[in-house]
Structures are given as C-alpha cells and as structure tokens.
N, C-alpha and C. Protein backbone atom coordinates (compact mmCIF):
# COMPACT_ATOMS: atom_id res chain seq x y z
N MET A 1 108.50 130.24 115.32
CA MET A 1 107.33 130.77 115.08
C MET A 1 107.22 130.40 113.44
N ARG A 2 108.61 131.14 113.07
CA ARG A 2 108.52 130.58 111.03
C ARG A 2 108.53 129.61 110.78
N HIS A 3 109.17 127.86 111.86
CA HIS A 3 108.79 126.60 111.48
C HIS A 3 107.23 126.83 111.37
N ILE A 4 106.51 127.14 112.67
CA ILE A 4 104.92 126.56 112.55
C ILE A 4 104.27 127.09 110.95
N LEU A 5 104.76 128.22 110.94
CA LEU A 5 104.21 128.96 109.52
C LEU A 5 104.67 128.03 108.39
N TYR A 6 106.32 127.52 108.27
CA TYR A 6 106.50 126.60 107.07
C TYR A 6 105.48 125.16 106.98
N ILE A 7 105.04 124.75 108.47
CA ILE A 7 104.37 123.41 108.39
C ILE A 7 102.82 123.52 107.88
N ILE A 8 102.42 125.01 108.27
CA ILE A 8 101.10 125.91 108.35
C ILE A 8 101.25 125.72 106.24
N ALA A 9 102.30 126.17 105.57
CA ALA A 9 102.09 126.59 104.27
C ALA A 9 102.37 125.20 103.72
N THR A 10 103.12 124.20 104.11
CA THR A 10 103.45 122.86 103.70
C THR A 10 102.52 122.14 103.54
N THR A 11 101.89 121.85 104.35
CA THR A 11 100.81 121.12 105.06
C THR A 11 99.33 121.61 103.92
N SER A 12 99.18 123.10 103.63
CA SER A 12 97.83 123.52 103.04
C SER A 12 98.09 122.73 101.87
N LEU A 13 99.01 123.57 101.20
CA LEU A 13 99.63 122.98 99.56
C LEU A 13 99.62 121.64 99.31
N PHE A 14 100.00 120.73 100.57
CA PHE A 14 99.85 119.29 100.18
C PHE A 14 98.74 118.83 100.15
N TRP A 15 97.66 119.70 101.28
CA TRP A 15 96.23 118.83 100.93
C TRP A 15 95.38 119.73 100.27
N ILE A 16 95.51 120.78 99.84
CA ILE A 16 95.03 121.63 98.58
C ILE A 16 95.48 120.67 97.32
N LEU A 17 96.82 120.66 96.68
CA LEU A 17 96.86 119.36 95.61
C LEU A 17 96.11 117.96 95.89
N ASN A 18 96.84 117.59 97.10
CA ASN A 18 95.98 116.10 97.10
C ASN A 18 93.72 115.86 97.22
N SER A 19 93.44 116.74 97.77
CA SER A 19 92.15 116.64 97.84
C SER A 19 91.20 117.20 96.69
N GLY A 20 91.35 117.69 96.18
CA GLY A 20 90.68 118.22 94.54
C GLY A 20 89.31 118.85 94.62
N HIS A 21 89.14 119.06 96.63
CA HIS A 21 87.74 119.75 96.73
C HIS A 21 87.95 120.67 97.14
N TYR A 22 87.17 122.56 96.12
CA TYR A 22 87.64 123.23 96.14
C TYR A 22 86.16 124.18 96.78
N ASP A 23 85.31 123.18 97.11
CA ASP A 23 84.13 123.81 97.54
C ASP A 23 84.35 124.40 99.47
N MET A 24 84.03 125.70 99.60
CA MET A 24 83.68 126.37 101.07
C MET A 24 84.28 125.67 102.23
N LEU A 25 83.12 124.25 101.66
CA LEU A 25 83.25 123.44 103.15
C LEU A 25 84.18 122.88 103.45
N MET A 26 84.66 122.41 101.97
CA MET A 26 86.05 121.15 102.17
C MET A 26 87.46 122.15 102.93
N LEU A 27 87.16 123.35 101.85
CA LEU A 27 88.45 124.54 102.18
C LEU A 27 88.38 124.57 103.84
N ILE A 28 87.32 124.73 104.88
CA ILE A 28 87.16 125.19 105.92
C ILE A 28 87.89 123.92 106.64
N LEU A 29 86.76 122.98 106.30
CA LEU A 29 87.45 121.31 106.72
C LEU A 29 88.89 121.26 106.65
N GLY A 30 89.66 121.46 105.64
CA GLY A 30 90.97 121.19 105.64
C GLY A 30 91.54 122.48 105.98
N ALA A 31 91.50 123.68 106.45
CA ALA A 31 92.27 125.03 106.64
C ALA A 31 92.24 124.23 108.10
N VAL A 32 90.69 123.57 109.09
CA VAL A 32 90.91 123.06 110.52
C VAL A 32 91.50 121.86 110.82
N SER A 33 91.81 121.26 109.65
CA SER A 33 93.12 120.13 109.59
C SER A 33 94.57 120.32 110.09
N VAL A 34 94.58 121.49 108.50
CA VAL A 34 95.88 122.13 109.25
C VAL A 34 96.53 122.61 110.00
N ALA A 35 95.57 123.05 110.56
CA ALA A 35 95.62 123.96 111.79
C ALA A 35 95.98 122.99 113.01
N PHE A 36 94.84 122.06 113.33
CA PHE A 36 95.34 121.08 114.33
C PHE A 36 96.35 120.33 113.94
N VAL A 37 96.91 119.75 112.92
CA VAL A 37 98.18 119.19 112.61
C VAL A 37 99.63 120.68 112.72
N ALA A 38 99.10 121.76 112.44
CA ALA A 38 100.23 122.78 113.57
C ALA A 38 100.20 122.51 114.86
N PHE A 39 98.72 122.48 115.25
CA PHE A 39 98.96 122.35 116.98
C PHE A 39 99.43 121.50 117.64
N LEU A 40 99.50 120.17 116.97
CA LEU A 40 100.09 119.28 117.14
C LEU A 40 101.02 119.33 117.50
N ALA A 41 101.73 119.58 116.38
CA ALA A 41 103.15 119.64 115.91
C ALA A 41 103.88 120.78 117.32
N HIS A 42 103.26 121.56 117.16
CA HIS A 42 104.03 122.60 118.24
C HIS A 42 104.09 122.13 119.38
N ARG A 43 102.52 121.48 119.82
CA ARG A 43 102.47 121.21 121.38
C ARG A 43 103.58 119.66 121.71
N MET A 44 103.96 118.75 120.45
CA MET A 44 104.33 117.84 120.60
C MET A 44 106.21 117.91 120.87
N ASP A 45 106.25 119.33 119.99
CA ASP A 45 107.50 120.00 120.19
C ASP A 45 108.42 119.07 118.85
N VAL A 46 107.60 118.61 117.67
CA VAL A 46 108.59 117.91 116.77
C VAL A 46 108.66 119.00 115.75
N VAL A 47 108.69 120.26 115.98
CA VAL A 47 109.36 121.60 115.10
C VAL A 47 110.46 121.58 115.21
N ASP A 48 111.53 120.93 114.27
CA ASP A 48 112.77 121.25 114.37
C ASP A 48 113.53 122.79 114.47
N HIS A 49 113.64 123.35 115.47
CA HIS A 49 114.48 124.55 115.39
C HIS A 49 115.90 124.74 115.04
N GLU A 50 116.40 123.92 114.70
CA GLU A 50 117.82 123.59 113.77
C GLU A 50 117.32 123.47 112.48
N SER A 51 116.90 123.58 112.00
CA SER A 51 116.32 122.80 110.61
C SER A 51 118.12 123.10 109.49
N HIS A 52 117.35 122.44 108.74
CA HIS A 52 118.15 121.94 107.62
C HIS A 52 118.13 123.45 106.50
N SER A 53 119.43 123.57 106.01
CA SER A 53 119.58 124.58 105.49
C SER A 53 118.79 124.48 103.93
N ILE A 54 118.29 125.41 103.77
CA ILE A 54 117.32 125.72 102.17
C ILE A 54 118.64 125.32 100.91
N ARG A 55 119.73 125.67 100.83
CA ARG A 55 120.37 125.75 99.72
C ARG A 55 120.74 124.22 99.60
N LEU A 56 120.20 122.90 100.28
CA LEU A 56 120.45 122.08 100.28
C LEU A 56 119.39 121.67 98.15
N SER A 57 118.30 122.63 98.99
CA SER A 57 117.41 122.13 97.83
C SER A 57 117.27 122.65 96.19
N PHE A 58 118.56 123.53 96.15
CA PHE A 58 118.93 124.22 94.94
C PHE A 58 120.10 123.34 93.87
N LYS A 59 120.56 122.57 94.80
CA LYS A 59 121.31 121.02 94.71
C LYS A 59 120.65 120.08 94.21
N LEU A 60 119.64 119.62 94.58
CA LEU A 60 118.88 118.53 94.55
C LEU A 60 118.26 117.64 93.48
N PRO A 61 117.60 118.90 92.52
CA PRO A 61 116.91 118.76 91.33
C PRO A 61 118.06 117.82 91.00
N LYS A 62 119.32 118.29 90.44
CA LYS A 62 120.42 117.67 89.35
C LYS A 62 120.77 116.14 90.24
N TYR A 63 120.78 116.31 91.44
CA TYR A 63 121.35 115.26 92.29
C TYR A 63 120.39 113.65 91.88
N LEU A 64 118.99 114.59 92.32
CA LEU A 64 118.05 113.37 91.75
C LEU A 64 117.99 112.94 90.54
N ILE A 65 117.82 114.11 89.30
CA ILE A 65 117.87 113.08 87.88
C ILE A 65 118.96 112.31 87.80
N TRP A 66 120.32 112.55 88.05
CA TRP A 66 121.31 111.20 88.27
C TRP A 66 121.05 110.39 88.84
N LEU A 67 120.49 110.39 90.30
CA LEU A 67 119.99 109.09 91.20
C LEU A 67 118.97 108.19 90.30
N ALA A 68 117.92 108.95 89.52
CA ALA A 68 117.19 108.13 89.11
C ALA A 68 117.10 107.27 87.79
N LYS A 69 118.74 108.19 87.14
CA LYS A 69 119.25 107.17 85.69
C LYS A 69 119.98 106.07 86.82
N GLU A 70 120.58 106.15 88.00
CA GLU A 70 121.25 104.78 88.27
C GLU A 70 120.11 103.94 88.45
N ILE A 71 118.79 104.35 89.51
CA ILE A 71 118.12 103.57 89.35
C ILE A 71 118.07 102.61 88.23
N VAL A 72 117.58 102.94 87.44
CA VAL A 72 117.01 102.81 85.88
C VAL A 72 118.27 101.46 85.76
N ILE A 73 119.34 101.82 85.93
CA ILE A 73 120.30 100.82 85.48
C ILE A 73 120.26 100.12 86.14
N SER A 74 121.02 100.61 87.63
CA SER A 74 120.95 98.90 88.91
C SER A 74 119.35 97.99 88.98
N ASN A 75 117.94 98.56 88.13
CA ASN A 75 117.11 97.54 88.04
C ASN A 75 117.30 96.99 86.94
N LEU A 76 117.96 97.54 85.80
CA LEU A 76 117.96 96.87 84.71
C LEU A 76 119.30 95.54 84.70
N THR A 77 120.13 95.76 85.94
CA THR A 77 121.39 94.68 86.17
C THR A 77 120.81 93.44 86.66
N VAL A 78 120.03 94.11 87.84
CA VAL A 78 119.45 93.24 88.67
C VAL A 78 118.28 92.40 88.33
N VAL A 79 117.45 92.93 87.16
CA VAL A 79 116.65 91.98 86.25
C VAL A 79 117.49 90.96 85.42
N LYS A 80 118.14 91.48 84.99
CA LYS A 80 119.34 90.46 83.90
C LYS A 80 119.36 89.49 85.05
N HIS A 81 120.13 89.39 85.89
CA HIS A 81 120.68 88.48 86.81
C HIS A 81 119.80 87.27 87.40
N ILE A 82 118.62 88.45 87.32
CA ILE A 82 117.46 87.28 88.36
C ILE A 82 116.83 86.38 86.87
N TRP A 83 117.33 86.79 85.80
CA TRP A 83 116.48 86.10 84.69
C TRP A 83 118.16 85.00 83.91
N LEU A 84 119.39 85.54 84.57
CA LEU A 84 120.32 84.90 83.93
C LEU A 84 120.53 83.56 85.25
N GLY A 85 119.81 83.75 86.53
CA GLY A 85 119.92 82.52 87.40
C GLY A 85 120.53 82.53 88.37
N PRO A 86 120.44 82.28 89.53
CA PRO A 86 121.19 82.29 91.11
C PRO A 86 122.39 82.06 91.10
N SER A 87 123.25 81.25 89.78
CA SER A 87 124.56 81.42 89.68
C SER A 87 125.10 82.74 89.50
N THR A 88 124.61 83.57 88.98
CA THR A 88 125.06 84.42 88.70
C THR A 88 124.95 85.92 89.78
N ILE A 89 124.38 85.31 90.89
CA ILE A 89 123.97 86.76 92.00
C ILE A 89 125.40 86.15 92.94
N SER A 90 125.91 87.44 93.26
CA SER A 90 126.67 87.23 94.41
C SER A 90 126.62 88.44 95.78
N PRO A 91 125.82 87.96 96.65
CA PRO A 91 125.28 88.50 97.62
C PRO A 91 126.61 88.69 98.56
N THR A 92 126.39 90.40 99.06
CA THR A 92 127.46 90.39 99.54
C THR A 92 127.18 91.91 100.77
N LEU A 93 128.25 91.70 101.78
CA LEU A 93 127.62 92.26 102.60
C LEU A 93 129.34 92.99 103.02
N LYS A 94 129.17 93.93 102.76
CA LYS A 94 130.49 94.53 103.44
C LYS A 94 130.64 96.31 104.23
N THR A 95 131.45 96.81 104.80
CA THR A 95 131.12 98.21 105.65
C THR A 95 132.17 99.22 104.75
N ILE A 96 130.95 99.84 104.21
CA ILE A 96 131.97 101.09 103.44
C ILE A 96 131.99 102.36 104.25
N ARG A 97 133.36 103.04 103.88
CA ARG A 97 132.82 104.77 104.53
C ARG A 97 132.91 106.09 103.99
N VAL A 98 132.44 107.14 104.60
CA VAL A 98 131.32 107.99 103.76
C VAL A 98 132.38 108.86 104.53
N SER A 99 131.67 109.99 103.44
CA SER A 99 132.71 111.36 103.74
C SER A 99 131.07 112.08 104.09
N GLN A 100 130.28 112.04 104.36
CA GLN A 100 129.49 113.36 104.27
C GLN A 100 129.49 113.21 105.49
N THR A 101 129.77 114.64 106.52
CA THR A 101 129.59 115.52 107.15
C THR A 101 128.77 115.69 108.56
N THR A 102 127.07 115.52 107.74
CA THR A 102 125.81 116.23 108.29
C THR A 102 125.48 115.00 108.44
N SER A 103 124.31 114.72 109.16
CA SER A 103 123.46 113.66 109.70
C SER A 103 122.60 113.42 108.43
N LEU A 104 122.24 114.51 107.87
CA LEU A 104 121.13 114.67 106.73
C LEU A 104 121.82 114.17 105.33
N GLY A 105 123.05 114.89 104.97
CA GLY A 105 123.94 114.06 104.44
C GLY A 105 124.47 112.80 104.33
N LYS A 106 124.00 111.86 105.43
CA LYS A 106 123.98 110.15 105.79
C LYS A 106 123.34 110.35 105.57
N VAL A 107 122.04 110.86 105.51
CA VAL A 107 120.59 110.08 105.40
C VAL A 107 120.26 110.16 104.00
N ILE A 108 120.62 111.19 103.13
CA ILE A 108 120.47 111.20 101.72
C ILE A 108 121.45 109.87 100.96
N TYR A 109 122.39 109.84 101.70
CA TYR A 109 123.96 108.77 101.12
C TYR A 109 122.87 107.33 101.69
N ALA A 110 122.49 107.16 102.55
CA ALA A 110 122.13 105.70 102.87
C ALA A 110 120.96 105.68 102.37
N ASN A 111 119.72 106.59 102.32
CA ASN A 111 118.71 106.07 101.13
C ASN A 111 118.82 105.79 99.78
N SER A 112 120.03 106.60 99.50
CA SER A 112 120.12 106.42 98.13
C SER A 112 120.76 105.36 97.84
N ILE A 113 121.28 104.69 98.38
CA ILE A 113 122.07 103.22 98.56
C ILE A 113 120.79 102.09 98.73
N THR A 114 119.77 102.72 99.58
CA THR A 114 118.69 101.34 99.33
C THR A 114 117.50 101.90 98.60
N THR A 115 117.51 103.13 97.97
CA THR A 115 116.86 103.35 96.68
C THR A 115 116.69 102.43 95.46
N THR A 116 118.20 102.14 94.92
CA THR A 116 119.07 101.91 94.25
C THR A 116 118.62 100.34 94.41
N PRO A 117 117.79 99.61 93.08
CA PRO A 117 117.31 98.31 93.55
C PRO A 117 118.93 97.15 93.38
N GLY A 118 118.76 95.98 94.53
CA GLY A 118 119.73 95.44 94.37
C GLY A 118 120.98 95.78 95.70
N THR A 119 120.64 96.89 96.44
CA THR A 119 121.74 97.34 97.50
C THR A 119 120.54 97.92 98.24
N VAL A 120 121.33 97.48 99.77
CA VAL A 120 120.28 98.06 101.41
C VAL A 120 121.68 98.15 102.65
N THR A 121 120.81 99.42 102.79
CA THR A 121 121.85 99.80 103.58
C THR A 121 121.49 99.29 105.38
N VAL A 122 122.15 98.54 105.68
CA VAL A 122 122.01 97.58 106.67
C VAL A 122 121.96 98.32 108.19
N ASP A 123 123.27 99.10 108.40
CA ASP A 123 123.58 100.15 108.99
C ASP A 123 124.05 101.19 109.46
N LEU A 124 123.98 102.01 109.82
CA LEU A 124 124.73 103.32 110.33
C LEU A 124 125.48 103.35 111.33
N LYS A 125 126.88 103.24 111.24
CA LYS A 125 127.56 104.05 112.36
C LYS A 125 128.56 104.75 112.02
N ASP A 126 128.58 105.96 112.68
CA ASP A 126 129.09 107.05 112.56
C ASP A 126 129.58 107.46 111.21
N ASP A 127 131.16 107.25 110.53
CA ASP A 127 131.48 107.64 109.47
C ASP A 127 131.56 105.64 108.57
N ARG A 128 130.85 105.31 108.68
CA ARG A 128 130.72 103.38 108.11
C ARG A 128 128.97 103.58 107.66
N PHE A 129 129.07 102.73 106.99
CA PHE A 129 127.69 102.03 106.68
C PHE A 129 127.90 100.55 106.01
N LEU A 130 127.23 99.85 106.79
CA LEU A 130 126.81 98.27 106.57
C LEU A 130 125.83 98.07 105.19
N VAL A 131 126.36 98.01 103.99
CA VAL A 131 125.61 97.92 103.02
C VAL A 131 125.53 96.11 102.72
N HIS A 132 124.78 96.00 102.49
CA HIS A 132 123.95 94.31 101.63
C HIS A 132 123.84 94.71 99.65
N SER A 133 124.34 93.71 98.82
CA SER A 133 124.30 93.96 98.05
C SER A 133 124.20 92.44 97.23
N LEU A 134 122.96 92.48 96.43
CA LEU A 134 122.81 90.86 95.59
C LEU A 134 124.21 90.52 94.66
N LEU A 135 124.78 91.62 94.00
CA LEU A 135 125.79 91.58 93.53
C LEU A 135 127.06 92.14 93.81
N GLU A 136 128.81 91.67 93.89
CA GLU A 136 129.64 92.29 94.66
C GLU A 136 129.97 93.44 93.73
N GLY A 137 129.68 93.32 92.52
CA GLY A 137 130.07 94.73 91.64
C GLY A 137 129.34 95.44 91.95
N ASN A 138 128.27 95.94 92.83
CA ASN A 138 127.41 97.03 92.87
C ASN A 138 128.25 97.46 94.21
N ILE A 139 128.89 96.61 95.19
CA ILE A 139 129.71 97.13 96.46
C ILE A 139 131.08 97.61 96.06
N LYS A 140 131.60 97.66 94.59
CA LYS A 140 133.00 97.95 94.14
C LYS A 140 132.40 99.30 93.22
N THR A 141 131.37 99.52 92.63
CA THR A 141 130.96 100.71 92.50
C THR A 141 130.87 101.67 93.56
N LEU A 142 130.74 101.43 94.70
CA LEU A 142 130.13 102.15 95.69
C LEU A 142 131.17 102.90 96.42
N MET A 143 132.32 101.19 97.11
CA MET A 143 133.53 102.10 96.77
C MET A 143 134.11 103.06 96.04
N GLU A 144 133.90 102.90 94.99
CA GLU A 144 134.86 104.24 94.21
C GLU A 144 134.29 105.34 94.26
N GLY A 145 132.79 105.49 94.80
CA GLY A 145 132.99 106.80 95.87
C GLY A 145 131.94 107.75 94.66
N LYS A 146 130.93 107.29 93.91
CA LYS A 146 130.91 108.60 92.81
C LYS A 146 129.65 108.95 93.14
N MET A 147 128.75 107.76 93.91
CA MET A 147 127.40 108.59 94.62
C MET A 147 127.79 109.39 96.18
N ASP A 148 129.17 108.38 96.87
CA ASP A 148 129.35 109.70 97.98
C ASP A 148 130.03 110.80 97.38
N ARG A 149 130.75 111.21 96.59
CA ARG A 149 130.60 112.46 96.39
C ARG A 149 129.62 113.21 96.16
N LYS A 150 129.12 112.78 95.81
CA LYS A 150 127.80 113.40 94.94
C LYS A 150 126.50 114.11 95.86
N VAL A 151 126.80 113.16 96.73
CA VAL A 151 125.74 113.34 98.15
C VAL A 151 127.01 114.70 98.47
N SER A 152 127.98 115.17 99.26
CA SER A 152 128.64 115.33 99.82
C SER A 152 129.13 116.49 99.06
N GLN A 153 128.36 116.95 97.80
CA GLN A 153 128.21 118.06 97.10
C GLN A 153 127.56 118.93 97.54
N LEU A 154 126.19 117.75 97.92
CA LEU A 154 124.69 118.10 98.49
C LEU A 154 125.18 118.90 99.47
N GLU A 155 125.91 118.75 100.38
CA GLU A 155 126.28 118.92 101.65
C GLU A 155 126.78 120.56 101.80
N ARG A 156 127.72 120.82 100.63
CA ARG A 156 128.51 121.87 100.64
C ARG A 156 128.06 123.30 99.77
N GLU A 157 128.40 124.22 99.51
CA GLU A 157 127.62 125.23 99.31
C GLU A 157 128.49 125.77 98.19
C-alpha cells in the first residue's frame, strides 16, 4: 500500500509541476490521470515491493555535483580532440571490474560512465563492465577507480 501511495504522490507532484494549469477542471483531470496510472501500476504489478533504501538520496546530491563537473571536463576534452583531428582520437574497448554490490549501484555506475562524454558502457556482466571510449586516457581514468569508489560510497550507509 505504501508503494501505491508513493506512486500517487510522485505522479501528482510531477503532474502539478509540469502542467501549469490550476483551474478546477484541469486538477480533476489530473487527479483522474494519476489514479489511472496508480491503478495500472498496481494491476501490472510493476510496483517494486523490495524498493531501494531512501538513504541513497541523502548522498546523491553531492555525487551528482561531482558527476556534473566530470561531465563538463570530459565534454571539453572530447571537443578538444575532435578539433585536433582524428589522429588524436584513440578508440578503446576494455573490460573493467566494478566494486558495487547492489544492482542499483551497478546501474548508477554504468549510467555515470555513459553520461560522461566520450565513454559508453556497452555490456554489464556480474562484476565487469565492457566500456568503449573515444580516448584511451578515459579508460585509464576509469581503471584508477575514482568514480567506482564514489558510487560504492552511495551504496554504504
């Protein structure tokens, strides 16, 4: 029941913030839409009864700020190498080990790698990721493990 209430609360908030309509008819239509989504989610049994712990959210803002800085730095590096020409680009495909223990941690790490310009997580298998990078230096940076450690810290309390 708590999960359904969470879905109702989050979809209601999302609808109100994005709709921009606050007259009675639109609010009623929004409430009907939210109720319908909650009903469908319940009937489809997509509500996860083993949801992830909320404690992750308290550490997440600090990580997201660090990730945003890394995205900007990587973006500038990729642009620089594109301007310098194809001779400076060294595409690399490498398997790296990860230290995350939960599925959520692995997904956050894989998405963080993919969000960073110039790198893409191609495959996830157990404790290994197959990563493609435009620059060999990006793979070396990943193998140093700073991003891996930061994501692992999100998993721990």
